[in-house]
Amino acid sequence: MTRLILIRHGETDWNVENRRQGRNDRPLNSKGRAQAKLVADYVRATFDIKKVWSSPLKRCVETATLLDMPVSTSDLLLEIDYGDWEGMLESEIDAKYPNRYQNGTVSIDPPGGEERSNLPVRARQFLEESRIAEEGGNVVIVGHGSAMSGLLVALFGLPDHAMHNFVIDNCSVSTIQMENDINRLTTLNHTVHLAIANGT
């Protein structure tokens, strides 16, 4: 059995501002660094980690490095390319594209960027090329909110629009058991370990 341990990177200033980051290589802020230490401590204490994968963007690598393991990176784990929306506030995008959400899902892809439907395609390519299901043991993937939603859709054979239904908070932990060609979601968006950093 392989257990995937999905960790979203720690907080950045653009997360706080509700600004689209995408491929912009923002570092963690002070709270994000505190979150990253807490999630690393929690995961190391809870799981015997065999391997760590990460998006190559610094907010993910900074988070992954705290696990004190060698970190392998893959461009297939990069966040969605938001094109013209990169750096824009969510409120600015809403004002410019008022019909962006229809029937409870995203209906417009970012102009000049990546189609959301490509996220599960990239995820399936990563799963195939990394042969992660054959790894055995606990494998950590440190990534991004949208890209990890695409990974969940790929793992569970869900329709693309289901990506909009996942909440994946900074430095949350989600776990998936992969065994005998069956994937089981065992934890989603676990954040109890972040209580001190989040002030709760």
C-alpha atoms as a PDB file:
ATOM      1  CA  MET A   1       0.000   0.000   0.000  1.00  0.00           C
ATOM      2  CA  THR A   2       1.084   3.565  -0.769  1.00  0.00           C
ATOM      3  CA  ARG A   3      -0.271   6.391   1.363  1.00  0.00           C
ATOM      4  CA  LEU A   4      -0.194   9.832  -0.253  1.00  0.00           C
ATOM      5  CA  ILE A   5       0.148  12.701   2.204  1.00  0.00           C
ATOM      6  CA  LEU A   6      -0.850  15.924   0.445  1.00  0.00           C
ATOM      7  CA  ILE A   7       0.335  19.179   2.016  1.00  0.00           C
ATOM      8  CA  ARG A   8      -0.519  22.588   0.621  1.00  0.00           C
ATOM      9  CA  HIS A   9       2.295  25.126   0.986  1.00  0.00           C
ATOM     10  CA  GLY A  10       2.337  27.675   3.822  1.00  0.00           C
ATOM     11  CA  GLU A  11       0.810  31.126   3.611  1.00  0.00           C
ATOM     12  CA  THR A  12       2.243  33.910   1.434  1.00  0.00           C
ATOM     13  CA  ASP A  13       1.471  37.620   1.420  1.00  0.00           C
ATOM     14  CA  TRP A  14      -0.550  37.142  -1.764  1.00  0.00           C
ATOM     15  CA  ASN A  15      -2.705  34.519  -0.025  1.00  0.00           C
ATOM     16  CA  VAL A  16      -3.494  37.121   2.637  1.00  0.00           C
ATOM     17  CA  GLU A  17      -4.318  39.744  -0.001  1.00  0.00           C
ATOM     18  CA  ASN A  18      -6.518  37.248  -1.903  1.00  0.00           C
ATOM     19  CA  ARG A  19      -4.353  37.808  -4.965  1.00  0.00           C
ATOM     20  CA  ARG A  20      -3.949  35.156  -7.683  1.00  0.00           C
ATOM     21  CA  GLN A  21      -0.462  33.624  -7.440  1.00  0.00           C
ATOM     22  CA  GLY A  22      -0.320  30.867 -10.011  1.00  0.00           C
ATOM     23  CA  ARG A  23       3.242  30.508 -11.293  1.00  0.00           C
ATOM     24  CA  ASN A  24       4.420  33.683  -9.536  1.00  0.00           C
ATOM     25  CA  ASP A  25       7.228  32.497  -7.265  1.00  0.00           C
ATOM     26  CA  ARG A  26       6.256  34.133  -3.966  1.00  0.00           C
ATOM     27  CA  PRO A  27       8.036  33.091  -0.740  1.00  0.00           C
ATOM     28  CA  LEU A  28       6.308  32.157   2.501  1.00  0.00           C
ATOM     29  CA  ASN A  29       5.512  34.986   4.906  1.00  0.00           C
ATOM     30  CA  SER A  30       6.248  34.742   8.646  1.00  0.00           C
ATOM     31  CA  LYS A  31       2.940  33.001   9.368  1.00  0.00           C
ATOM     32  CA  GLY A  32       3.534  30.632   6.450  1.00  0.00           C
ATOM     33  CA  ARG A  33       6.929  29.669   7.847  1.00  0.00           C
ATOM     34  CA  ALA A  34       5.323  28.982  11.244  1.00  0.00           C
ATOM     35  CA  GLN A  35       2.604  26.885   9.562  1.00  0.00           C
ATOM     36  CA  ALA A  36       5.219  24.967   7.576  1.00  0.00           C
ATOM     37  CA  LYS A  37       7.141  24.075  10.735  1.00  0.00           C
ATOM     38  CA  LEU A  38       3.963  22.927  12.471  1.00  0.00           C
ATOM     39  CA  VAL A  39       2.834  20.742   9.565  1.00  0.00           C
ATOM     40  CA  ALA A  40       6.335  19.284   9.205  1.00  0.00           C
ATOM     41  CA  ASP A  41       6.433  18.442  12.922  1.00  0.00           C
ATOM     42  CA  TYR A  42       2.967  16.873  12.716  1.00  0.00           C
ATOM     43  CA  VAL A  43       3.665  14.786   9.611  1.00  0.00           C
ATOM     44  CA  ARG A  44       7.075  13.576  10.833  1.00  0.00           C
ATOM     45  CA  ALA A  45       5.557  12.560  14.186  1.00  0.00           C
ATOM     46  CA  THR A  46       2.570  10.803  12.577  1.00  0.00           C
ATOM     47  CA  PHE A  47       4.035   9.070   9.522  1.00  0.00           C
ATOM     48  CA  ASP A  48       7.212   7.235   8.627  1.00  0.00           C
ATOM     49  CA  ILE A  49       7.973   9.169   5.446  1.00  0.00           C
ATOM     50  CA  LYS A  50       9.557   7.288   2.555  1.00  0.00           C
ATOM     51  CA  LYS A  51       9.719  10.003  -0.103  1.00  0.00           C
ATOM     52  CA  VAL A  52       8.899  13.699  -0.583  1.00  0.00           C
ATOM     53  CA  TRP A  53       7.728  15.284  -3.831  1.00  0.00           C
ATOM     54  CA  SER A  54       7.148  19.006  -4.326  1.00  0.00           C
ATOM     55  CA  SER A  55       6.242  21.638  -6.857  1.00  0.00           C
ATOM     56  CA  PRO A  56       9.459  23.506  -7.758  1.00  0.00           C
ATOM     57  CA  LEU A  57       8.028  26.885  -6.701  1.00  0.00           C
ATOM     58  CA  LYS A  58       9.748  28.262  -3.607  1.00  0.00           C
ATOM     59  CA  ARG A  59       6.624  28.415  -1.404  1.00  0.00           C
ATOM     60  CA  CYS A  60       6.316  24.631  -1.778  1.00  0.00           C
ATOM     61  CA  VAL A  61      10.030  23.830  -1.585  1.00  0.00           C
ATOM     62  CA  GLU A  62      10.346  25.970   1.575  1.00  0.00           C
ATOM     63  CA  THR A  63       7.499  23.960   3.112  1.00  0.00           C
ATOM     64  CA  ALA A  64       8.834  20.586   1.949  1.00  0.00           C
ATOM     65  CA  THR A  65      12.396  21.233   3.123  1.00  0.00           C
ATOM     66  CA  LEU A  66      11.258  21.353   6.763  1.00  0.00           C
ATOM     67  CA  LEU A  67      10.416  17.631   6.573  1.00  0.00           C
ATOM     68  CA  ASP A  68      14.192  16.984   6.727  1.00  0.00           C
ATOM     69  CA  MET A  69      14.106  14.598   3.773  1.00  0.00           C
ATOM     70  CA  PRO A  70      15.502  14.817   0.236  1.00  0.00           C
ATOM     71  CA  VAL A  71      12.933  16.637  -1.944  1.00  0.00           C
ATOM     72  CA  SER A  72      12.175  15.609  -5.532  1.00  0.00           C
ATOM     73  CA  THR A  73      10.455  18.237  -7.679  1.00  0.00           C
ATOM     74  CA  SER A  74       8.246  17.925 -10.746  1.00  0.00           C
ATOM     75  CA  ASP A  75       6.934  20.646 -13.044  1.00  0.00           C
ATOM     76  CA  LEU A  76       3.772  18.543 -13.335  1.00  0.00           C
ATOM     77  CA  LEU A  77       2.963  19.632  -9.749  1.00  0.00           C
ATOM     78  CA  LEU A  78       3.141  23.364 -10.585  1.00  0.00           C
ATOM     79  CA  GLU A  79       0.150  25.550  -9.806  1.00  0.00           C
ATOM     80  CA  ILE A  80      -2.196  26.472 -12.639  1.00  0.00           C
ATOM     81  CA  ASP A  81      -0.866  29.229 -14.902  1.00  0.00           C
ATOM     82  CA  TYR A  82      -3.329  32.068 -14.313  1.00  0.00           C
ATOM     83  CA  GLY A  83      -2.107  34.058 -17.316  1.00  0.00           C
ATOM     84  CA  ASP A  84      -3.577  37.583 -17.298  1.00  0.00           C
ATOM     85  CA  TRP A  85      -5.023  37.004 -13.818  1.00  0.00           C
ATOM     86  CA  GLU A  86      -1.632  36.500 -12.133  1.00  0.00           C
ATOM     87  CA  GLY A  87      -1.171  39.199  -9.496  1.00  0.00           C
ATOM     88  CA  MET A  88      -4.795  40.361  -9.701  1.00  0.00           C
ATOM     89  CA  LEU A  89      -7.026  40.575  -6.645  1.00  0.00           C
ATOM     90  CA  GLU A  90      -9.954  38.161  -6.589  1.00  0.00           C
ATOM     91  CA  SER A  91     -12.284  41.171  -6.394  1.00  0.00           C
ATOM     92  CA  GLU A  92     -10.717  42.639  -9.558  1.00  0.00           C
ATOM     93  CA  ILE A  93     -11.241  39.379 -11.450  1.00  0.00           C
ATOM     94  CA  ASP A  94     -14.860  39.198 -10.241  1.00  0.00           C
ATOM     95  CA  ALA A  95     -15.490  42.771 -11.433  1.00  0.00           C
ATOM     96  CA  LYS A  96     -13.952  42.145 -14.856  1.00  0.00           C
ATOM     97  CA  TYR A  97     -15.525  38.690 -15.340  1.00  0.00           C
ATOM     98  CA  PRO A  98     -18.906  38.780 -13.545  1.00  0.00           C
ATOM     99  CA  ASN A  99     -20.070  35.573 -15.240  1.00  0.00           C
ATOM    100  CA  ARG A 100     -16.997  33.571 -14.194  1.00  0.00           C
ATOM    101  CA  TYR A 101     -19.119  31.237 -12.056  1.00  0.00           C
ATOM    102  CA  GLN A 102     -22.158  29.546 -13.579  1.00  0.00           C
ATOM    103  CA  ASN A 103     -24.180  26.671 -12.158  1.00  0.00           C
ATOM    104  CA  GLY A 104     -21.905  26.548  -9.132  1.00  0.00           C
ATOM    105  CA  THR A 105     -18.688  26.013 -11.061  1.00  0.00           C
ATOM    106  CA  VAL A 106     -15.979  27.997 -12.868  1.00  0.00           C
ATOM    107  CA  SER A 107     -17.031  28.621 -16.463  1.00  0.00           C
ATOM    108  CA  ILE A 108     -14.161  30.809 -17.709  1.00  0.00           C
ATOM    109  CA  ASP A 109     -10.498  29.778 -17.905  1.00  0.00           C
ATOM    110  CA  PRO A 110      -7.848  32.444 -17.185  1.00  0.00           C
ATOM    111  CA  PRO A 111      -7.105  34.406 -20.373  1.00  0.00           C
ATOM    112  CA  GLY A 112      -3.605  33.694 -21.622  1.00  0.00           C
ATOM    113  CA  GLY A 113      -3.209  30.955 -19.013  1.00  0.00           C
ATOM    114  CA  GLU A 114      -3.860  27.266 -18.534  1.00  0.00           C
ATOM    115  CA  GLU A 115      -7.223  25.581 -18.959  1.00  0.00           C
ATOM    116  CA  ARG A 116      -8.452  24.166 -15.647  1.00  0.00           C
ATOM    117  CA  SER A 117      -9.236  20.896 -17.416  1.00  0.00           C
ATOM    118  CA  ASN A 118      -5.487  20.414 -17.889  1.00  0.00           C
ATOM    119  CA  LEU A 119      -4.886  20.063 -14.130  1.00  0.00           C
ATOM    120  CA  PRO A 120      -6.174  16.453 -13.889  1.00  0.00           C
ATOM    121  CA  VAL A 121      -4.304  15.673 -17.129  1.00  0.00           C
ATOM    122  CA  ARG A 122      -1.036  16.851 -15.568  1.00  0.00           C
ATOM    123  CA  ALA A 123      -1.859  14.976 -12.363  1.00  0.00           C
ATOM    124  CA  ARG A 124      -2.418  11.703 -14.218  1.00  0.00           C
ATOM    125  CA  GLN A 125       0.869  12.221 -16.064  1.00  0.00           C
ATOM    126  CA  PHE A 126       2.651  12.757 -12.729  1.00  0.00           C
ATOM    127  CA  LEU A 127       1.090   9.634 -11.216  1.00  0.00           C
ATOM    128  CA  GLU A 128       2.155   7.596 -14.239  1.00  0.00           C
ATOM    129  CA  GLU A 129       5.693   8.970 -14.588  1.00  0.00           C
ATOM    130  CA  SER A 130       6.495   8.890 -10.864  1.00  0.00           C
ATOM    131  CA  ARG A 131       5.085   5.359 -10.492  1.00  0.00           C
ATOM    132  CA  ILE A 132       3.999   6.561  -7.081  1.00  0.00           C
ATOM    133  CA  ALA A 133       1.350   3.855  -6.625  1.00  0.00           C
ATOM    134  CA  GLU A 134       4.154   1.276  -6.701  1.00  0.00           C
ATOM    135  CA  GLU A 135       6.326   3.167  -4.204  1.00  0.00           C
ATOM    136  CA  GLY A 136       4.846   1.621  -1.077  1.00  0.00           C
ATOM    137  CA  GLY A 137       4.871   3.411   2.261  1.00  0.00           C
ATOM    138  CA  ASN A 138       4.143   7.065   2.990  1.00  0.00           C
ATOM    139  CA  VAL A 139       4.818   9.559   0.202  1.00  0.00           C
ATOM    140  CA  VAL A 140       4.435  13.298   0.762  1.00  0.00           C
ATOM    141  CA  ILE A 141       3.402  15.672  -2.030  1.00  0.00           C
ATOM    142  CA  VAL A 142       3.735  19.388  -1.258  1.00  0.00           C
ATOM    143  CA  GLY A 143       1.741  21.421  -3.728  1.00  0.00           C
ATOM    144  CA  HIS A 144      -0.817  24.092  -4.516  1.00  0.00           C
ATOM    145  CA  GLY A 145      -4.557  24.419  -3.948  1.00  0.00           C
ATOM    146  CA  SER A 146      -5.770  24.219  -7.546  1.00  0.00           C
ATOM    147  CA  ALA A 147      -3.172  21.689  -8.693  1.00  0.00           C
ATOM    148  CA  MET A 148      -3.974  19.394  -5.748  1.00  0.00           C
ATOM    149  CA  SER A 149      -7.689  19.674  -6.515  1.00  0.00           C
ATOM    150  CA  GLY A 150      -6.793  18.436  -9.991  1.00  0.00           C
ATOM    151  CA  LEU A 151      -4.820  15.589  -8.436  1.00  0.00           C
ATOM    152  CA  LEU A 152      -7.813  14.549  -6.317  1.00  0.00           C
ATOM    153  CA  VAL A 153     -10.057  14.577  -9.392  1.00  0.00           C
ATOM    154  CA  ALA A 154      -7.531  12.386 -11.216  1.00  0.00           C
ATOM    155  CA  LEU A 155      -7.144   9.957  -8.307  1.00  0.00           C
ATOM    156  CA  PHE A 156     -10.881   9.420  -7.868  1.00  0.00           C
ATOM    157  CA  GLY A 157     -12.054   9.639 -11.477  1.00  0.00           C
ATOM    158  CA  LEU A 158     -14.271  12.656 -10.776  1.00  0.00           C
ATOM    159  CA  PRO A 159     -15.575  15.107 -13.392  1.00  0.00           C
ATOM    160  CA  ASP A 160     -13.430  18.201 -13.894  1.00  0.00           C
ATOM    161  CA  HIS A 161     -15.996  20.535 -12.312  1.00  0.00           C
ATOM    162  CA  ALA A 162     -15.512  18.710  -8.986  1.00  0.00           C
ATOM    163  CA  MET A 163     -12.206  20.616  -8.574  1.00  0.00           C
ATOM    164  CA  HIS A 164     -14.283  23.599  -7.480  1.00  0.00           C
ATOM    165  CA  ASN A 165     -15.726  21.623  -4.543  1.00  0.00           C
ATOM    166  CA  PHE A 166     -12.500  20.975  -2.617  1.00  0.00           C
ATOM    167  CA  VAL A 167     -11.264  23.266   0.150  1.00  0.00           C
ATOM    168  CA  ILE A 168      -7.514  22.886   0.673  1.00  0.00           C
ATOM    169  CA  ASP A 169      -6.109  25.348   3.212  1.00  0.00           C
ATOM    170  CA  ASN A 170      -2.496  26.412   3.637  1.00  0.00           C
ATOM    171  CA  CYS A 171      -0.455  23.631   5.317  1.00  0.00           C
ATOM    172  CA  SER A 172      -3.479  21.355   5.570  1.00  0.00           C
ATOM    173  CA  VAL A 173      -2.955  17.602   5.319  1.00  0.00           C
ATOM    174  CA  SER A 174      -5.029  15.260   3.160  1.00  0.00           C
ATOM    175  CA  THR A 175      -4.319  11.531   2.907  1.00  0.00           C
ATOM    176  CA  ILE A 176      -5.146   8.921   0.279  1.00  0.00           C
ATOM    177  CA  GLN A 177      -4.565   5.165   0.508  1.00  0.00           C
ATOM    178  CA  MET A 178      -3.619   3.517  -2.797  1.00  0.00           C
ATOM    179  CA  GLU A 179      -3.922  -0.278  -2.789  1.00  0.00           C
ATOM    180  CA  ASN A 180      -4.922  -2.866  -5.382  1.00  0.00           C
ATOM    181  CA  ASP A 181      -5.849  -0.144  -7.899  1.00  0.00           C
ATOM    182  CA  ILE A 182      -8.300   1.374  -5.409  1.00  0.00           C
ATOM    183  CA  ASN A 183      -7.796   4.882  -4.015  1.00  0.00           C
ATOM    184  CA  ARG A 184      -9.449   5.836  -0.729  1.00  0.00           C
ATOM    185  CA  LEU A 185      -9.621   9.363   0.678  1.00  0.00           C
ATOM    186  CA  THR A 186      -8.939   8.990   4.407  1.00  0.00           C
ATOM    187  CA  THR A 187      -8.368  12.634   5.432  1.00  0.00           C
ATOM    188  CA  LEU A 188      -9.235  15.927   3.737  1.00  0.00           C
ATOM    189  CA  ASN A 189      -7.999  19.398   4.720  1.00  0.00           C
ATOM    190  CA  HIS A 190      -6.870  18.403   8.235  1.00  0.00           C
ATOM    191  CA  THR A 191      -5.642  21.566  10.035  1.00  0.00           C
ATOM    192  CA  VAL A 192      -5.767  20.861  13.791  1.00  0.00           C
ATOM    193  CA  HIS A 193      -1.953  20.944  13.934  1.00  0.00           C
ATOM    194  CA  LEU A 194      -2.026  24.620  12.869  1.00  0.00           C
ATOM    195  CA  ALA A 195      -4.008  25.922  15.851  1.00  0.00           C
ATOM    196  CA  ILE A 196      -1.085  27.893  17.330  1.00  0.00           C
ATOM    197  CA  ALA A 197      -0.094  29.583  14.038  1.00  0.00           C
ATOM    198  CA  ASN A 198      -3.698  30.332  13.104  1.00  0.00           C
ATOM    199  CA  GLY A 199      -4.520  31.774  16.514  1.00  0.00           C
ATOM    200  CA  THR A 200      -7.350  29.302  17.196  1.00  0.00           C
END
